[in-house]
Amino acid sequence: MKVIIVRPLEEPVAAEIEYGLKPMQEIVGGYIQAVYPFEEPVALICNEEAKLLGLPLNRALRTETGEIYDIIAGTFLLCGAPPDSDHFTDLTQEQVETLLHLFRRPELYL
């Protein structure tokens, strides 16, 4: 499955991973949580206990006006999430390019 992996303090990378729960859990380091912060059919898969575990803050999620409404902690991945489906899929090449650009800069939080 074609995804983007975003690690704290690193640039995001496009990657091919095996489809399934276990590979996703290995990447995020625990139980997964799917978040849908985009209008595009894209899921952000993160560790559901990341903040409780004190994992490093990674990237901010912002409103259309640029205001931060949440910060994702720990490593996360981005994958396709077709509407009316409970399965994750490949990102399209256009989504890969857009999301690599969106998350390209590592962020520090004080």
Protein backbone atom coordinates (compact mmCIF):
# COMPACT_ATOMS: atom_id res chain seq x y z
CA MET A 1 0.00 0.00 0.00
CA LYS A 2 1.39 3.40 -0.97
CA VAL A 3 1.55 5.68 2.11
CA ILE A 4 3.45 8.62 3.53
CA ILE A 5 5.28 8.14 6.83
CA VAL A 6 5.84 11.24 8.96
CA ARG A 7 8.31 10.95 11.84
CA PRO A 8 9.00 13.72 14.38
CA LEU A 9 11.80 16.10 13.32
CA GLU A 10 12.16 14.41 9.90
CA GLU A 11 10.88 15.11 6.43
CA PRO A 12 8.01 12.85 5.36
CA VAL A 13 8.74 9.90 3.09
CA ALA A 14 6.58 8.04 0.59
CA ALA A 15 6.71 4.30 1.20
CA GLU A 16 5.15 1.01 0.17
CA ILE A 17 3.96 -1.03 3.13
CA GLU A 18 2.15 -4.33 3.42
CA TYR A 19 -1.60 -3.88 3.78
CA GLY A 20 -2.96 -4.69 7.22
CA LEU A 21 -3.26 -3.72 10.84
CA LYS A 22 0.07 -5.12 12.03
CA PRO A 23 2.31 -3.11 9.63
CA MET A 24 0.45 0.08 10.58
CA GLN A 25 0.82 -0.67 14.30
CA GLU A 26 4.55 -1.28 13.83
CA ILE A 27 4.99 2.10 12.12
CA VAL A 28 3.10 4.10 14.77
CA GLY A 29 4.37 2.01 17.69
CA GLY A 30 1.09 0.79 19.15
CA TYR A 31 -2.66 0.69 18.70
CA ILE A 32 -3.83 2.77 15.77
CA GLN A 33 -6.33 5.58 15.60
CA ALA A 34 -7.65 6.89 12.28
CA VAL A 35 -8.26 10.64 11.98
CA TYR A 36 -9.82 12.29 8.94
CA PRO A 37 -8.65 15.93 8.96
CA PHE A 38 -8.82 16.52 5.20
CA GLU A 39 -11.58 17.02 2.66
CA GLU A 40 -9.71 14.55 0.44
CA PRO A 41 -10.37 10.85 1.15
CA VAL A 42 -7.19 10.51 3.22
CA ALA A 43 -6.76 8.98 6.68
CA LEU A 44 -4.11 10.01 9.18
CA ILE A 45 -3.15 6.90 11.14
CA CYS A 46 -1.49 7.57 14.48
CA ASN A 47 -0.82 5.90 17.82
CA GLU A 48 -4.03 6.30 19.84
CA GLU A 49 -2.06 6.62 23.11
CA ALA A 50 0.78 8.79 21.78
CA LYS A 51 0.11 11.81 23.99
CA LEU A 52 -0.51 9.67 27.08
CA LEU A 53 2.79 7.87 26.43
CA GLY A 54 4.62 11.19 26.04
CA LEU A 55 5.72 10.54 22.47
CA PRO A 56 7.36 13.57 20.84
CA LEU A 57 5.05 16.11 19.24
CA ASN A 58 5.24 15.81 15.47
CA ARG A 59 3.02 18.00 13.27
CA ALA A 60 0.16 20.41 13.82
CA LEU A 61 -3.26 20.12 12.24
CA ARG A 62 -4.56 23.51 11.19
CA THR A 63 -7.85 25.11 10.20
CA GLU A 64 -8.24 26.72 6.78
CA THR A 65 -7.08 30.01 8.35
CA GLY A 66 -3.89 28.40 9.69
CA GLU A 67 -4.90 28.15 13.35
CA ILE A 68 -3.65 25.04 15.16
CA TYR A 69 -6.47 22.86 16.49
CA ASP A 70 -4.45 19.75 17.37
CA ILE A 71 -0.90 18.40 17.34
CA ILE A 72 -0.17 14.81 16.39
CA ALA A 73 2.34 13.09 18.65
CA GLY A 74 4.63 10.28 17.53
CA THR A 75 5.12 8.84 14.08
CA PHE A 76 2.05 8.75 11.87
CA LEU A 77 1.18 7.66 8.36
CA LEU A 78 -1.19 8.92 5.70
CA CYS A 79 -3.14 6.59 3.42
CA GLY A 80 -6.19 6.57 1.20
CA ALA A 81 -9.63 6.27 2.81
CA PRO A 82 -12.36 5.96 0.19
CA PRO A 83 -15.79 7.28 1.24
CA ASP A 84 -18.28 4.63 2.36
CA SER A 85 -15.51 2.08 2.90
CA ASP A 86 -13.94 0.65 6.02
CA HIS A 87 -10.70 -0.21 4.21
CA PHE A 88 -7.58 1.87 3.75
CA THR A 89 -6.05 2.13 0.28
CA ASP A 90 -3.11 3.52 -1.66
CA LEU A 91 -2.64 7.23 -1.94
CA THR A 92 -2.81 8.56 -5.48
CA GLN A 93 0.33 10.13 -6.91
CA GLU A 94 -1.34 13.54 -6.69
CA GLN A 95 -2.16 12.97 -3.00
CA VAL A 96 1.43 11.87 -2.35
CA GLU A 97 2.81 15.05 -3.87
CA THR A 98 0.33 17.30 -2.04
CA LEU A 99 0.83 15.65 1.35
CA LEU A 100 4.63 15.50 1.06
CA HIS A 101 4.52 19.25 0.48
CA LEU A 102 2.03 19.89 3.31
CA PHE A 103 4.09 18.04 5.93
CA ARG A 104 7.55 18.72 4.46
CA ARG A 105 8.86 20.85 7.30
CA PRO A 106 9.54 19.27 10.69
CA GLU A 107 8.04 21.33 13.53
CA LEU A 108 9.23 22.04 17.08
CA TYR A 109 6.84 22.83 19.91
CA LEU A 110 7.72 24.58 23.14
